Amino acid sequence: MADLVGTELVSRSQAKRLLARCEQFQEVTLDFSRVSGIAPAFADEALRVWPGQHPGVVLRHSGASESVSARIERARRNGAGRS
């Protein structure tokens, strides 16, 4: 994600592009250390939908700011904030 320095990740299409071909691996780590924020749509697609479609891949994250970590946990817990 090095080319995303200071970027806000906002769309499902960004998540899909980011995770393209990641199903070829057993474990994937997303490094959010240079990402300034993520929107609910990105979080839902990357952290709830994609892992549900690829249960054989362990998806981890690192380097997330407090606000990005909160969005990640919300997406994993309840579908990016939807009830």
C-alpha atoms as a PDB file:
ATOM      1  CA  MET A   1       0.000   0.000   0.000  1.00  0.00           C
ATOM      2  CA  ALA A   2       3.081   2.206  -0.285  1.00  0.00           C
ATOM      3  CA  ASP A   3       1.596   4.162  -3.182  1.00  0.00           C
ATOM      4  CA  LEU A   4      -1.312   5.192  -0.950  1.00  0.00           C
ATOM      5  CA  VAL A   5       0.666   7.533   1.337  1.00  0.00           C
ATOM      6  CA  GLY A   6      -1.668   9.995   3.025  1.00  0.00           C
ATOM      7  CA  THR A   7      -4.578   8.583   1.101  1.00  0.00           C
ATOM      8  CA  GLU A   8      -8.114   8.024   2.260  1.00  0.00           C
ATOM      9  CA  LEU A   9      -9.458   4.743   0.994  1.00  0.00           C
ATOM     10  CA  VAL A  10     -13.116   5.291   0.259  1.00  0.00           C
ATOM     11  CA  SER A  11     -14.611   2.894  -2.264  1.00  0.00           C
ATOM     12  CA  ARG A  12     -15.419  -0.745  -2.711  1.00  0.00           C
ATOM     13  CA  SER A  13     -13.595  -0.662  -6.044  1.00  0.00           C
ATOM     14  CA  GLN A  14     -10.392   0.452  -4.275  1.00  0.00           C
ATOM     15  CA  ALA A  15     -10.729  -2.498  -1.907  1.00  0.00           C
ATOM     16  CA  LYS A  16     -11.298  -4.896  -4.791  1.00  0.00           C
ATOM     17  CA  ARG A  17      -8.237  -3.579  -6.661  1.00  0.00           C
ATOM     18  CA  LEU A  18      -6.118  -3.755  -3.521  1.00  0.00           C
ATOM     19  CA  LEU A  19      -7.095  -7.358  -2.827  1.00  0.00           C
ATOM     20  CA  ALA A  20      -6.989  -8.585  -6.433  1.00  0.00           C
ATOM     21  CA  ARG A  21      -5.111 -11.880  -6.578  1.00  0.00           C
ATOM     22  CA  CYS A  22      -4.579 -11.983  -2.797  1.00  0.00           C
ATOM     23  CA  GLU A  23      -6.585 -15.209  -2.745  1.00  0.00           C
ATOM     24  CA  GLN A  24      -3.395 -16.881  -4.014  1.00  0.00           C
ATOM     25  CA  PHE A  25      -1.861 -16.515  -0.549  1.00  0.00           C
ATOM     26  CA  GLN A  26      -2.599 -18.165   2.777  1.00  0.00           C
ATOM     27  CA  GLU A  27      -2.002 -14.966   4.747  1.00  0.00           C
ATOM     28  CA  VAL A  28      -2.213 -11.306   3.724  1.00  0.00           C
ATOM     29  CA  THR A  29      -1.211  -8.323   5.868  1.00  0.00           C
ATOM     30  CA  LEU A  30      -2.516  -4.879   4.966  1.00  0.00           C
ATOM     31  CA  ASP A  31      -0.200  -2.125   6.204  1.00  0.00           C
ATOM     32  CA  PHE A  32      -2.242   0.999   6.949  1.00  0.00           C
ATOM     33  CA  SER A  33       0.671   2.994   8.397  1.00  0.00           C
ATOM     34  CA  ARG A  34       0.552   5.621   5.638  1.00  0.00           C
ATOM     35  CA  VAL A  35      -3.199   5.676   5.113  1.00  0.00           C
ATOM     36  CA  SER A  36      -4.960   8.653   6.662  1.00  0.00           C
ATOM     37  CA  GLY A  37      -8.440   7.146   6.747  1.00  0.00           C
ATOM     38  CA  ILE A  38     -10.835   4.548   5.410  1.00  0.00           C
ATOM     39  CA  ALA A  39     -14.509   4.968   4.603  1.00  0.00           C
ATOM     40  CA  PRO A  40     -17.232   2.495   5.568  1.00  0.00           C
ATOM     41  CA  ALA A  41     -17.598   1.183   1.990  1.00  0.00           C
ATOM     42  CA  PHE A  42     -13.886   0.350   1.726  1.00  0.00           C
ATOM     43  CA  ALA A  43     -13.830  -1.201   5.196  1.00  0.00           C
ATOM     44  CA  ASP A  44     -16.900  -3.326   4.514  1.00  0.00           C
ATOM     45  CA  GLU A  45     -15.593  -4.662   1.204  1.00  0.00           C
ATOM     46  CA  ALA A  46     -12.004  -5.270   2.337  1.00  0.00           C
ATOM     47  CA  LEU A  47     -12.610  -6.469   5.873  1.00  0.00           C
ATOM     48  CA  ARG A  48     -15.988  -8.197   5.813  1.00  0.00           C
ATOM     49  CA  VAL A  49     -17.040  -9.104   2.255  1.00  0.00           C
ATOM     50  CA  TRP A  50     -13.673 -10.205   0.813  1.00  0.00           C
ATOM     51  CA  PRO A  51     -12.692 -12.388   3.800  1.00  0.00           C
ATOM     52  CA  GLY A  52     -16.136 -14.000   3.688  1.00  0.00           C
ATOM     53  CA  GLN A  53     -15.552 -14.906   0.049  1.00  0.00           C
ATOM     54  CA  HIS A  54     -12.032 -16.219   0.775  1.00  0.00           C
ATOM     55  CA  PRO A  55     -12.225 -18.146   4.057  1.00  0.00           C
ATOM     56  CA  GLY A  56      -8.920 -19.914   3.357  1.00  0.00           C
ATOM     57  CA  VAL A  57      -6.971 -16.641   3.523  1.00  0.00           C
ATOM     58  CA  VAL A  58      -6.029 -15.056   6.846  1.00  0.00           C
ATOM     59  CA  LEU A  59      -6.339 -11.281   6.491  1.00  0.00           C
ATOM     60  CA  ARG A  60      -4.385  -9.201   9.006  1.00  0.00           C
ATOM     61  CA  HIS A  61      -3.678  -5.512   9.329  1.00  0.00           C
ATOM     62  CA  SER A  62      -0.861  -3.460  10.812  1.00  0.00           C
ATOM     63  CA  GLY A  63       0.174   0.141  11.306  1.00  0.00           C
ATOM     64  CA  ALA A  64      -3.343   1.541  11.505  1.00  0.00           C
ATOM     65  CA  SER A  65      -4.007   4.823  13.280  1.00  0.00           C
ATOM     66  CA  GLU A  66      -6.538   4.882  16.093  1.00  0.00           C
ATOM     67  CA  SER A  67      -9.329   6.085  13.802  1.00  0.00           C
ATOM     68  CA  VAL A  68      -8.507   3.558  11.077  1.00  0.00           C
ATOM     69  CA  SER A  69      -8.322   0.775  13.683  1.00  0.00           C
ATOM     70  CA  ALA A  70     -11.755   1.762  14.972  1.00  0.00           C
ATOM     71  CA  ARG A  71     -13.211   1.590  11.443  1.00  0.00           C
ATOM     72  CA  ILE A  72     -11.543  -1.803  10.878  1.00  0.00           C
ATOM     73  CA  GLU A  73     -12.981  -3.230  14.080  1.00  0.00           C
ATOM     74  CA  ARG A  74     -16.429  -1.804  13.308  1.00  0.00           C
ATOM     75  CA  ALA A  75     -16.391  -3.402   9.846  1.00  0.00           C
ATOM     76  CA  ARG A  76     -15.339  -6.769  11.209  1.00  0.00           C
ATOM     77  CA  ARG A  77     -17.820  -6.627  14.055  1.00  0.00           C
ATOM     78  CA  ASN A  78     -20.987  -5.513  12.308  1.00  0.00           C
ATOM     79  CA  GLY A  79     -20.634  -4.805   8.611  1.00  0.00           C
ATOM     80  CA  ALA A  80     -19.028  -1.337   8.546  1.00  0.00           C
ATOM     81  CA  GLY A  81     -21.407   0.187  11.046  1.00  0.00           C
ATOM     82  CA  ARG A  82     -24.649  -1.139   9.623  1.00  0.00           C
ATOM     83  CA  SER A  83     -27.055  -2.779  12.014  1.00  0.00           C
END
